[in-house]
Amino acid sequence: MAEGSLCPVLELRCQGKVLGRYRLEPFRSLSIGRDPENPITVNDPAISRRHAEVFTLSTQRRDVVIKDLGSTNGTRVKGQRIERQILEIGDVVQLGSHELVLICP
């Protein structure tokens, strides 16, 4: 299997519609928020300009982490508000009316 295929993907959804897919590269972080400078831009008034970031700690799929950046409305994983959480394939991150789902295509 090629190394690139091992990288998990975050799928941005709203009301069941897929709005984008973002490949997670080893040791690289992606910020999430309303600010258009974020690699993952979410146009939702419930989301802070710099709401959260997701990053990988290694080349292993199990090492994907999401971290809330002090957002007003919080970041939720499995319904629980988190500050920092290791994600597993299939986990759903709730950001306002949007969801990020960690998938392995």
PDB file of N, CA and C in Angstrom:
ATOM      1  N   MET A   1       0.842  -1.173   0.000  1.00  0.00           N
ATOM      2  CA  MET A   1       0.000   0.000   0.000  1.00  0.00           C
ATOM      3  C   MET A   1       0.890   1.241   0.000  1.00  0.00           C
ATOM      4  N   ALA A   2       0.570   2.207  -0.826  1.00  0.00           N
ATOM      5  CA  ALA A   2       1.366   3.432  -0.919  1.00  0.00           C
ATOM      6  C   ALA A   2       1.228   4.253   0.352  1.00  0.00           C
ATOM      7  N   GLU A   3       2.296   4.971   0.718  1.00  0.00           N
ATOM      8  CA  GLU A   3       2.300   5.748   1.957  1.00  0.00           C
ATOM      9  C   GLU A   3       1.181   6.779   1.994  1.00  0.00           C
ATOM     10  N   GLY A   4       0.915   7.449   0.875  1.00  0.00           N
ATOM     11  CA  GLY A   4      -0.128   8.464   0.830  1.00  0.00           C
ATOM     12  C   GLY A   4      -1.506   7.926   1.152  1.00  0.00           C
ATOM     13  N   SER A   5      -1.757   6.654   0.846  1.00  0.00           N
ATOM     14  CA  SER A   5      -3.069   6.085   1.102  1.00  0.00           C
ATOM     15  C   SER A   5      -3.296   5.824   2.586  1.00  0.00           C
ATOM     16  N   LEU A   6      -2.237   5.886   3.402  1.00  0.00           N
ATOM     17  CA  LEU A   6      -2.379   5.669   4.836  1.00  0.00           C
ATOM     18  C   LEU A   6      -2.902   6.900   5.557  1.00  0.00           C
ATOM     19  N   CYS A   7      -2.874   8.051   4.882  1.00  0.00           N
ATOM     20  CA  CYS A   7      -3.294   9.289   5.524  1.00  0.00           C
ATOM     21  C   CYS A   7      -4.813   9.334   5.643  1.00  0.00           C
ATOM     22  N   PRO A   8      -5.324   9.591   6.843  1.00  0.00           N
ATOM     23  CA  PRO A   8      -6.766   9.733   7.004  1.00  0.00           C
ATOM     24  C   PRO A   8      -7.248  11.056   6.410  1.00  0.00           C
ATOM     25  N   VAL A   9      -8.555  11.166   6.278  1.00  0.00           N
ATOM     26  CA  VAL A   9      -9.192  12.328   5.672  1.00  0.00           C
ATOM     27  C   VAL A   9     -10.274  12.835   6.618  1.00  0.00           C
ATOM     28  N   LEU A  10     -10.393  14.153   6.730  1.00  0.00           N
ATOM     29  CA  LEU A  10     -11.512  14.762   7.435  1.00  0.00           C
ATOM     30  C   LEU A  10     -12.535  15.180   6.398  1.00  0.00           C
ATOM     31  N   GLU A  11     -13.768  14.759   6.602  1.00  0.00           N
ATOM     32  CA  GLU A  11     -14.849  15.108   5.692  1.00  0.00           C
ATOM     33  C   GLU A  11     -15.749  16.121   6.398  1.00  0.00           C
ATOM     34  N   LEU A  12     -15.908  17.307   5.812  1.00  0.00           N
ATOM     35  CA  LEU A  12     -16.758  18.358   6.363  1.00  0.00           C
ATOM     36  C   LEU A  12     -18.174  18.166   5.831  1.00  0.00           C
ATOM     37  N   ARG A  13     -19.144  18.101   6.756  1.00  0.00           N
ATOM     38  CA  ARG A  13     -20.542  17.884   6.379  1.00  0.00           C
ATOM     39  C   ARG A  13     -21.443  18.903   7.066  1.00  0.00           C
ATOM     40  N   CYS A  14     -22.547  19.205   6.396  1.00  0.00           N
ATOM     41  CA  CYS A  14     -23.598  20.032   6.993  1.00  0.00           C
ATOM     42  C   CYS A  14     -24.933  19.501   6.495  1.00  0.00           C
ATOM     43  N   GLN A  15     -25.799  19.119   7.402  1.00  0.00           N
ATOM     44  CA  GLN A  15     -27.118  18.574   7.080  1.00  0.00           C
ATOM     45  C   GLN A  15     -27.009  17.417   6.096  1.00  0.00           C
ATOM     46  N   GLY A  16     -26.039  16.544   6.307  1.00  0.00           N
ATOM     47  CA  GLY A  16     -25.862  15.355   5.488  1.00  0.00           C
ATOM     48  C   GLY A  16     -25.133  15.576   4.175  1.00  0.00           C
ATOM     49  N   LYS A  17     -24.867  16.827   3.825  1.00  0.00           N
ATOM     50  CA  LYS A  17     -24.186  17.137   2.563  1.00  0.00           C
ATOM     51  C   LYS A  17     -22.683  17.274   2.803  1.00  0.00           C
ATOM     52  N   VAL A  18     -21.890  16.618   1.963  1.00  0.00           N
ATOM     53  CA  VAL A  18     -20.433  16.718   2.060  1.00  0.00           C
ATOM     54  C   VAL A  18     -19.994  18.030   1.421  1.00  0.00           C
ATOM     55  N   LEU A  19     -19.301  18.862   2.211  1.00  0.00           N
ATOM     56  CA  LEU A  19     -18.846  20.169   1.731  1.00  0.00           C
ATOM     57  C   LEU A  19     -17.376  20.181   1.343  1.00  0.00           C
ATOM     58  N   GLY A  20     -16.624  19.202   1.809  1.00  0.00           N
ATOM     59  CA  GLY A  20     -15.202  19.159   1.482  1.00  0.00           C
ATOM     60  C   GLY A  20     -14.513  17.992   2.154  1.00  0.00           C
ATOM     61  N   ARG A  21     -13.352  17.652   1.600  1.00  0.00           N
ATOM     62  CA  ARG A  21     -12.505  16.599   2.172  1.00  0.00           C
ATOM     63  C   ARG A  21     -11.094  17.145   2.305  1.00  0.00           C
ATOM     64  N   TYR A  22     -10.472  16.854   3.439  1.00  0.00           N
ATOM     65  CA  TYR A  22      -9.154  17.396   3.754  1.00  0.00           C
ATOM     66  C   TYR A  22      -8.241  16.265   4.200  1.00  0.00           C
ATOM     67  N   ARG A  23      -7.230  15.991   3.390  1.00  0.00           N
ATOM     68  CA  ARG A  23      -6.275  14.925   3.717  1.00  0.00           C
ATOM     69  C   ARG A  23      -5.345  15.404   4.822  1.00  0.00           C
ATOM     70  N   LEU A  24      -5.150  14.549   5.808  1.00  0.00           N
ATOM     71  CA  LEU A  24      -4.265  14.858   6.931  1.00  0.00           C
ATOM     72  C   LEU A  24      -2.900  14.262   6.663  1.00  0.00           C
ATOM     73  N   GLU A  25      -1.916  15.124   6.593  1.00  0.00           N
ATOM     74  CA  GLU A  25      -0.544  14.696   6.348  1.00  0.00           C
ATOM     75  C   GLU A  25       0.192  14.567   7.676  1.00  0.00           C
ATOM     76  N   PRO A  26       1.131  13.630   7.766  1.00  0.00           N
ATOM     77  CA  PRO A  26       1.882  13.457   9.014  1.00  0.00           C
ATOM     78  C   PRO A  26       2.573  14.754   9.455  1.00  0.00           C
ATOM     79  N   PHE A  27       2.451  15.049  10.728  1.00  0.00           N
ATOM     80  CA  PHE A  27       3.127  16.170  11.391  1.00  0.00           C
ATOM     81  C   PHE A  27       2.688  17.547  10.887  1.00  0.00           C
ATOM     82  N   ARG A  28       1.528  17.638  10.261  1.00  0.00           N
ATOM     83  CA  ARG A  28       1.029  18.918   9.753  1.00  0.00           C
ATOM     84  C   ARG A  28      -0.304  19.229  10.425  1.00  0.00           C
ATOM     85  N   SER A  29      -0.492  20.472  10.849  1.00  0.00           N
ATOM     86  CA  SER A  29      -1.769  20.839  11.465  1.00  0.00           C
ATOM     87  C   SER A  29      -2.619  21.641  10.485  1.00  0.00           C
ATOM     88  N   LEU A  30      -3.930  21.514  10.636  1.00  0.00           N
ATOM     89  CA  LEU A  30      -4.891  22.282   9.860  1.00  0.00           C
ATOM     90  C   LEU A  30      -5.787  23.020  10.839  1.00  0.00           C
ATOM     91  N   SER A  31      -5.859  24.344  10.705  1.00  0.00           N
ATOM     92  CA  SER A  31      -6.756  25.110  11.568  1.00  0.00           C
ATOM     93  C   SER A  31      -8.148  25.143  10.942  1.00  0.00           C
ATOM     94  N   ILE A  32      -9.136  25.272  11.821  1.00  0.00           N
ATOM     95  CA  ILE A  32     -10.546  25.228  11.435  1.00  0.00           C
ATOM     96  C   ILE A  32     -11.218  26.464  12.007  1.00  0.00           C
ATOM     97  N   GLY A  33     -12.018  27.155  11.179  1.00  0.00           N
ATOM     98  CA  GLY A  33     -12.755  28.308  11.687  1.00  0.00           C
ATOM     99  C   GLY A  33     -13.365  29.130  10.570  1.00  0.00           C
ATOM    100  N   ARG A  34     -13.992  30.248  10.954  1.00  0.00           N
ATOM    101  CA  ARG A  34     -14.650  31.127   9.986  1.00  0.00           C
ATOM    102  C   ARG A  34     -13.669  31.944   9.165  1.00  0.00           C
ATOM    103  N   ASP A  35     -12.508  32.244   9.716  1.00  0.00           N
ATOM    104  CA  ASP A  35     -11.519  33.066   9.016  1.00  0.00           C
ATOM    105  C   ASP A  35     -11.104  32.367   7.723  1.00  0.00           C
ATOM    106  N   PRO A  36     -11.189  33.063   6.584  1.00  0.00           N
ATOM    107  CA  PRO A  36     -10.830  32.439   5.308  1.00  0.00           C
ATOM    108  C   PRO A  36      -9.365  32.011   5.217  1.00  0.00           C
ATOM    109  N   GLU A  37      -8.527  32.457   6.144  1.00  0.00           N
ATOM    110  CA  GLU A  37      -7.114  32.041   6.160  1.00  0.00           C
ATOM    111  C   GLU A  37      -6.952  30.600   6.657  1.00  0.00           C
ATOM    112  N   ASN A  38      -7.981  30.053   7.310  1.00  0.00           N
ATOM    113  CA  ASN A  38      -7.917  28.675   7.792  1.00  0.00           C
ATOM    114  C   ASN A  38      -7.955  27.702   6.621  1.00  0.00           C
ATOM    115  N   PRO A  39      -7.144  26.646   6.655  1.00  0.00           N
ATOM    116  CA  PRO A  39      -7.235  25.624   5.608  1.00  0.00           C
ATOM    117  C   PRO A  39      -8.626  24.978   5.541  1.00  0.00           C
ATOM    118  N   ILE A  40      -9.288  24.850   6.706  1.00  0.00           N
ATOM    119  CA  ILE A  40     -10.667  24.354   6.738  1.00  0.00           C
ATOM    120  C   ILE A  40     -11.536  25.523   7.193  1.00  0.00           C
ATOM    121  N   THR A  41     -12.163  26.185   6.222  1.00  0.00           N
ATOM    122  CA  THR A  41     -13.003  27.348   6.497  1.00  0.00           C
ATOM    123  C   THR A  41     -14.456  26.907   6.582  1.00  0.00           C
ATOM    124  N   VAL A  42     -15.109  27.292   7.681  1.00  0.00           N
ATOM    125  CA  VAL A  42     -16.501  26.908   7.915  1.00  0.00           C
ATOM    126  C   VAL A  42     -17.309  28.179   8.139  1.00  0.00           C
ATOM    127  N   ASN A  43     -18.246  28.445   7.240  1.00  0.00           N
ATOM    128  CA  ASN A  43     -19.065  29.648   7.323  1.00  0.00           C
ATOM    129  C   ASN A  43     -20.289  29.360   8.193  1.00  0.00           C
ATOM    130  N   ASP A  44     -20.113  29.537   9.496  1.00  0.00           N
ATOM    131  CA  ASP A  44     -21.168  29.248  10.469  1.00  0.00           C
ATOM    132  C   ASP A  44     -20.988  30.234  11.620  1.00  0.00           C
ATOM    133  N   PRO A  45     -22.028  31.026  11.951  1.00  0.00           N
ATOM    134  CA  PRO A  45     -21.878  32.020  13.016  1.00  0.00           C
ATOM    135  C   PRO A  45     -21.582  31.414  14.392  1.00  0.00           C
ATOM    136  N   ALA A  46     -21.833  30.135  14.579  1.00  0.00           N
ATOM    137  CA  ALA A  46     -21.559  29.473  15.866  1.00  0.00           C
ATOM    138  C   ALA A  46     -20.095  29.056  15.997  1.00  0.00           C
ATOM    139  N   ILE A  47     -19.326  29.263  14.932  1.00  0.00           N
ATOM    140  CA  ILE A  47     -17.925  28.850  14.924  1.00  0.00           C
ATOM    141  C   ILE A  47     -17.035  30.086  15.024  1.00  0.00           C
ATOM    142  N   SER A  48     -16.028  29.998  15.868  1.00  0.00           N
ATOM    143  CA  SER A  48     -15.077  31.100  16.052  1.00  0.00           C
ATOM    144  C   SER A  48     -14.187  31.257  14.819  1.00  0.00           C
ATOM    145  N   ARG A  49     -13.561  32.427  14.705  1.00  0.00           N
ATOM    146  CA  ARG A  49     -12.670  32.669  13.557  1.00  0.00           C
ATOM    147  C   ARG A  49     -11.541  31.644  13.521  1.00  0.00           C
ATOM    148  N   ARG A  50     -10.956  31.337  14.663  1.00  0.00           N
ATOM    149  CA  ARG A  50      -9.982  30.236  14.802  1.00  0.00           C
ATOM    150  C   ARG A  50     -10.526  29.337  15.895  1.00  0.00           C
ATOM    151  N   HIS A  51     -11.284  28.353  15.492  1.00  0.00           N
ATOM    152  CA  HIS A  51     -12.077  27.535  16.404  1.00  0.00           C
ATOM    153  C   HIS A  51     -11.302  26.340  16.965  1.00  0.00           C
ATOM    154  N   ALA A  52     -10.639  25.616  16.086  1.00  0.00           N
ATOM    155  CA  ALA A  52      -9.947  24.387  16.490  1.00  0.00           C
ATOM    156  C   ALA A  52      -8.835  24.100  15.499  1.00  0.00           C
ATOM    157  N   GLU A  53      -8.020  23.117  15.843  1.00  0.00           N
ATOM    158  CA  GLU A  53      -7.024  22.632  14.888  1.00  0.00           C
ATOM    159  C   GLU A  53      -6.957  21.119  15.007  1.00  0.00           C
ATOM    160  N   VAL A  54      -6.589  20.503  13.904  1.00  0.00           N
ATOM    161  CA  VAL A  54      -6.422  19.055  13.871  1.00  0.00           C
ATOM    162  C   VAL A  54      -5.022  18.779  13.351  1.00  0.00           C
ATOM    163  N   PHE A  55      -4.388  17.764  13.925  1.00  0.00           N
ATOM    164  CA  PHE A  55      -3.020  17.460  13.515  1.00  0.00           C
ATOM    165  C   PHE A  55      -2.715  15.994  13.776  1.00  0.00           C
ATOM    166  N   THR A  56      -1.657  15.528  13.136  1.00  0.00           N
ATOM    167  CA  THR A  56      -1.198  14.156  13.346  1.00  0.00           C
ATOM    168  C   THR A  56       0.129  14.202  14.083  1.00  0.00           C
ATOM    169  N   LEU A  57       0.308  13.243  14.980  1.00  0.00           N
ATOM    170  CA  LEU A  57       1.531  13.171  15.772  1.00  0.00           C
ATOM    171  C   LEU A  57       2.566  12.245  15.156  1.00  0.00           C
ATOM    172  N   SER A  58       2.136  11.442  14.181  1.00  0.00           N
ATOM    173  CA  SER A  58       3.045  10.498  13.528  1.00  0.00           C
ATOM    174  C   SER A  58       2.409  10.057  12.218  1.00  0.00           C
ATOM    175  N   THR A  59       2.950   9.028  11.631  1.00  0.00           N
ATOM    176  CA  THR A  59       2.387   8.489  10.397  1.00  0.00           C
ATOM    177  C   THR A  59       1.278   7.481  10.683  1.00  0.00           C
ATOM    178  N   GLN A  60       0.961   7.241  11.942  1.00  0.00           N
ATOM    179  CA  GLN A  60      -0.064   6.269  12.315  1.00  0.00           C
ATOM    180  C   GLN A  60      -1.449   6.917  12.340  1.00  0.00           C
ATOM    181  N   ARG A  61      -2.456   6.226  11.838  1.00  0.00           N
ATOM    182  CA  ARG A  61      -3.823   6.753  11.820  1.00  0.00           C
ATOM    183  C   ARG A  61      -4.343   7.053  13.220  1.00  0.00           C
ATOM    184  N   ARG A  62      -3.909   6.300  14.199  1.00  0.00           N
ATOM    185  CA  ARG A  62      -4.439   6.480  15.552  1.00  0.00           C
ATOM    186  C   ARG A  62      -3.922   7.757  16.212  1.00  0.00           C
ATOM    187  N   ASP A  63      -3.020   8.440  15.568  1.00  0.00           N
ATOM    188  CA  ASP A  63      -2.410   9.623  16.160  1.00  0.00           C
ATOM    189  C   ASP A  63      -2.959  10.929  15.595  1.00  0.00           C
ATOM    190  N   VAL A  64      -4.253  10.971  15.301  1.00  0.00           N
ATOM    191  CA  VAL A  64      -4.913  12.194  14.844  1.00  0.00           C
ATOM    192  C   VAL A  64      -5.543  12.859  16.068  1.00  0.00           C
ATOM    193  N   VAL A  65      -5.244  14.144  16.247  1.00  0.00           N
ATOM    194  CA  VAL A  65      -5.696  14.877  17.430  1.00  0.00           C
ATOM    195  C   VAL A  65      -6.463  16.117  16.989  1.00  0.00           C
ATOM    196  N   ILE A  66      -7.564  16.412  17.687  1.00  0.00           N
ATOM    197  CA  ILE A  66      -8.251  17.687  17.503  1.00  0.00           C
ATOM    198  C   ILE A  66      -8.125  18.461  18.805  1.00  0.00           C
ATOM    199  N   LYS A  67      -7.894  19.765  18.668  1.00  0.00           N
ATOM    200  CA  LYS A  67      -7.699  20.630  19.832  1.00  0.00           C
ATOM    201  C   LYS A  67      -8.564  21.873  19.672  1.00  0.00           C
ATOM    202  N   ASP A  68      -9.401  22.149  20.655  1.00  0.00           N
ATOM    203  CA  ASP A  68     -10.185  23.374  20.665  1.00  0.00           C
ATOM    204  C   ASP A  68      -9.242  24.537  20.979  1.00  0.00           C
ATOM    205  N   LEU A  69      -9.415  25.658  20.294  1.00  0.00           N
ATOM    206  CA  LEU A  69      -8.528  26.811  20.476  1.00  0.00           C
ATOM    207  C   LEU A  69      -9.179  27.895  21.333  1.00  0.00           C
ATOM    208  N   GLY A  70      -9.931  27.471  22.347  1.00  0.00           N
ATOM    209  CA  GLY A  70     -10.596  28.435  23.222  1.00  0.00           C
ATOM    210  C   GLY A  70     -11.838  29.032  22.594  1.00  0.00           C
ATOM    211  N   SER A  71     -12.501  28.273  21.736  1.00  0.00           N
ATOM    212  CA  SER A  71     -13.686  28.765  21.040  1.00  0.00           C
ATOM    213  C   SER A  71     -14.813  29.067  22.025  1.00  0.00           C
ATOM    214  N   THR A  72     -15.691  29.970  21.633  1.00  0.00           N
ATOM    215  CA  THR A  72     -16.816  30.359  22.479  1.00  0.00           C
ATOM    216  C   THR A  72     -17.802  29.213  22.668  1.00  0.00           C
ATOM    217  N   ASN A  73     -18.169  28.540  21.588  1.00  0.00           N
ATOM    218  CA  ASN A  73     -19.208  27.510  21.640  1.00  0.00           C
ATOM    219  C   ASN A  73     -18.676  26.093  21.776  1.00  0.00           C
ATOM    220  N   GLY A  74     -17.381  25.931  21.756  1.00  0.00           N
ATOM    221  CA  GLY A  74     -16.789  24.628  22.011  1.00  0.00           C
ATOM    222  C   GLY A  74     -16.742  23.693  20.816  1.00  0.00           C
ATOM    223  N   THR A  75     -15.999  22.629  21.024  1.00  0.00           N
ATOM    224  CA  THR A  75     -15.821  21.551  20.058  1.00  0.00           C
ATOM    225  C   THR A  75     -16.261  20.274  20.758  1.00  0.00           C
ATOM    226  N   ARG A  76     -17.072  19.467  20.071  1.00  0.00           N
ATOM    227  CA  ARG A  76     -17.597  18.245  20.686  1.00  0.00           C
ATOM    228  C   ARG A  76     -17.204  17.017  19.878  1.00  0.00           C
ATOM    229  N   VAL A  77     -16.827  15.978  20.604  1.00  0.00           N
ATOM    230  CA  VAL A  77     -16.545  14.674  20.007  1.00  0.00           C
ATOM    231  C   VAL A  77     -17.398  13.665  20.764  1.00  0.00           C
ATOM    232  N   LYS A  78     -18.176  12.885  20.026  1.00  0.00           N
ATOM    233  CA  LYS A  78     -19.097  11.910  20.637  1.00  0.00           C
ATOM    234  C   LYS A  78     -20.016  12.597  21.648  1.00  0.00           C
ATOM    235  N   GLY A  79     -20.419  13.828  21.329  1.00  0.00           N
ATOM    236  CA  GLY A  79     -21.348  14.572  22.165  1.00  0.00           C
ATOM    237  C   GLY A  79     -20.743  15.257  23.377  1.00  0.00           C
ATOM    238  N   GLN A  80     -19.463  15.041  23.622  1.00  0.00           N
ATOM    239  CA  GLN A  80     -18.798  15.612  24.792  1.00  0.00           C
ATOM    240  C   GLN A  80     -17.909  16.787  24.390  1.00  0.00           C
ATOM    241  N   ARG A  81     -18.021  17.882  25.124  1.00  0.00           N
ATOM    242  CA  ARG A  81     -17.157  19.036  24.863  1.00  0.00           C
ATOM    243  C   ARG A  81     -15.724  18.660  25.240  1.00  0.00           C
ATOM    244  N   ILE A  82     -14.791  18.984  24.360  1.00  0.00           N
ATOM    245  CA  ILE A  82     -13.395  18.589  24.570  1.00  0.00           C
ATOM    246  C   ILE A  82     -12.481  19.803  24.481  1.00  0.00           C
ATOM    247  N   GLU A  83     -11.294  19.654  25.044  1.00  0.00           N
ATOM    248  CA  GLU A  83     -10.220  20.622  24.835  1.00  0.00           C
ATOM    249  C   GLU A  83      -9.217  20.045  23.849  1.00  0.00           C
ATOM    250  N   ARG A  84      -8.946  18.751  24.014  1.00  0.00           N
ATOM    251  CA  ARG A  84      -8.014  18.036  23.138  1.00  0.00           C
ATOM    252  C   ARG A  84      -8.421  16.575  23.167  1.00  0.00           C
ATOM    253  N   GLN A  85      -8.482  15.949  21.987  1.00  0.00           N
ATOM    254  CA  GLN A  85      -8.972  14.574  21.908  1.00  0.00           C
ATOM    255  C   GLN A  85      -8.285  13.831  20.769  1.00  0.00           C
ATOM    256  N   ILE A  86      -7.845  12.609  21.039  1.00  0.00           N
ATOM    257  CA  ILE A  86      -7.358  11.736  19.968  1.00  0.00           C
ATOM    258  C   ILE A  86      -8.581  11.194  19.245  1.00  0.00           C
ATOM    259  N   LEU A  87      -8.559  11.263  17.910  1.00  0.00           N
ATOM    260  CA  LEU A  87      -9.684  10.798  17.105  1.00  0.00           C
ATOM    261  C   LEU A  87      -9.421   9.402  16.563  1.00  0.00           C
ATOM    262  N   GLU A  88     -10.505   8.661  16.384  1.00  0.00           N
ATOM    263  CA  GLU A  88     -10.459   7.352  15.754  1.00  0.00           C
ATOM    264  C   GLU A  88     -11.254   7.429  14.460  1.00  0.00           C
ATOM    265  N   ILE A  89     -10.949   6.534  13.526  1.00  0.00           N
ATOM    266  CA  ILE A  89     -11.696   6.491  12.270  1.00  0.00           C
ATOM    267  C   ILE A  89     -13.184   6.354  12.600  1.00  0.00           C
ATOM    268  N   GLY A  90     -14.001   7.210  11.986  1.00  0.00           N
ATOM    269  CA  GLY A  90     -15.443   7.196  12.209  1.00  0.00           C
ATOM    270  C   GLY A  90     -15.916   8.207  13.237  1.00  0.00           C
ATOM    271  N   ASP A  91     -15.000   8.795  14.011  1.00  0.00           N
ATOM    272  CA  ASP A  91     -15.402   9.797  15.001  1.00  0.00           C
ATOM    273  C   ASP A  91     -15.999  11.019  14.313  1.00  0.00           C
ATOM    274  N   VAL A  92     -17.009  11.590  14.965  1.00  0.00           N
ATOM    275  CA  VAL A  92     -17.683  12.784  14.467  1.00  0.00           C
ATOM    276  C   VAL A  92     -17.367  13.939  15.409  1.00  0.00           C
ATOM    277  N   VAL A  93     -16.850  15.025  14.832  1.00  0.00           N
ATOM    278  CA  VAL A  93     -16.546  16.246  15.577  1.00  0.00           C
ATOM    279  C   VAL A  93     -17.646  17.247  15.252  1.00  0.00           C
ATOM    280  N   GLN A  94     -18.326  17.754  16.277  1.00  0.00           N
ATOM    281  CA  GLN A  94     -19.419  18.705  16.101  1.00  0.00           C
ATOM    282  C   GLN A  94     -18.889  20.118  16.260  1.00  0.00           C
ATOM    283  N   LEU A  95     -19.098  20.950  15.231  1.00  0.00           N
ATOM    284  CA  LEU A  95     -18.694  22.359  15.230  1.00  0.00           C
ATOM    285  C   LEU A  95     -19.897  23.173  14.772  1.00  0.00           C
ATOM    286  N   GLY A  96     -20.638  23.749  15.697  1.00  0.00           N
ATOM    287  CA  GLY A  96     -21.852  24.460  15.315  1.00  0.00           C
ATOM    288  C   GLY A  96     -22.803  23.503  14.621  1.00  0.00           C
ATOM    289  N   SER A  97     -23.311  23.897  13.455  1.00  0.00           N
ATOM    290  CA  SER A  97     -24.219  23.025  12.700  1.00  0.00           C
ATOM    291  C   SER A  97     -23.463  22.117  11.731  1.00  0.00           C
ATOM    292  N   HIS A  98     -22.147  22.139  11.794  1.00  0.00           N
ATOM    293  CA  HIS A  98     -21.312  21.341  10.902  1.00  0.00           C
ATOM    294  C   HIS A  98     -20.682  20.167  11.637  1.00  0.00           C
ATOM    295  N   GLU A  99     -20.278  19.175  10.868  1.00  0.00           N
ATOM    296  CA  GLU A  99     -19.585  18.011  11.407  1.00  0.00           C
ATOM    297  C   GLU A  99     -18.321  17.759  10.611  1.00  0.00           C
ATOM    298  N   LEU A 100     -17.298  17.315  11.298  1.00  0.00           N
ATOM    299  CA  LEU A 100     -16.102  16.779  10.662  1.00  0.00           C
ATOM    300  C   LEU A 100     -16.061  15.305  11.024  1.00  0.00           C
ATOM    301  N   VAL A 101     -15.916  14.450  10.021  1.00  0.00           N
ATOM    302  CA  VAL A 101     -15.872  13.013  10.253  1.00  0.00           C
ATOM    303  C   VAL A 101     -14.515  12.509   9.789  1.00  0.00           C
ATOM    304  N   LEU A 102     -13.836  11.766  10.651  1.00  0.00           N
ATOM    305  CA  LEU A 102     -12.542  11.186  10.295  1.00  0.00           C
ATOM    306  C   LEU A 102     -12.799   9.889   9.553  1.00  0.00           C
ATOM    307  N   ILE A 103     -12.369   9.839   8.289  1.00  0.00           N
ATOM    308  CA  ILE A 103     -12.591   8.654   7.463  1.00  0.00           C
ATOM    309  C   ILE A 103     -11.259   8.145   6.925  1.00  0.00           C
ATOM    310  N   CYS A 104     -11.297   6.940   6.425  1.00  0.00           N
ATOM    311  CA  CYS A 104     -10.132   6.341   5.780  1.00  0.00           C
ATOM    312  C   CYS A 104     -10.596   5.837   4.421  1.00  0.00           C
ATOM    313  N   PRO A 105     -10.443   6.672   3.406  1.00  0.00           N
ATOM    314  CA  PRO A 105     -10.969   6.291   2.077  1.00  0.00           C
ATOM    315  C   PRO A 105     -10.228   5.123   1.458  1.00  0.00           C
TER     316      PRO A 105
END
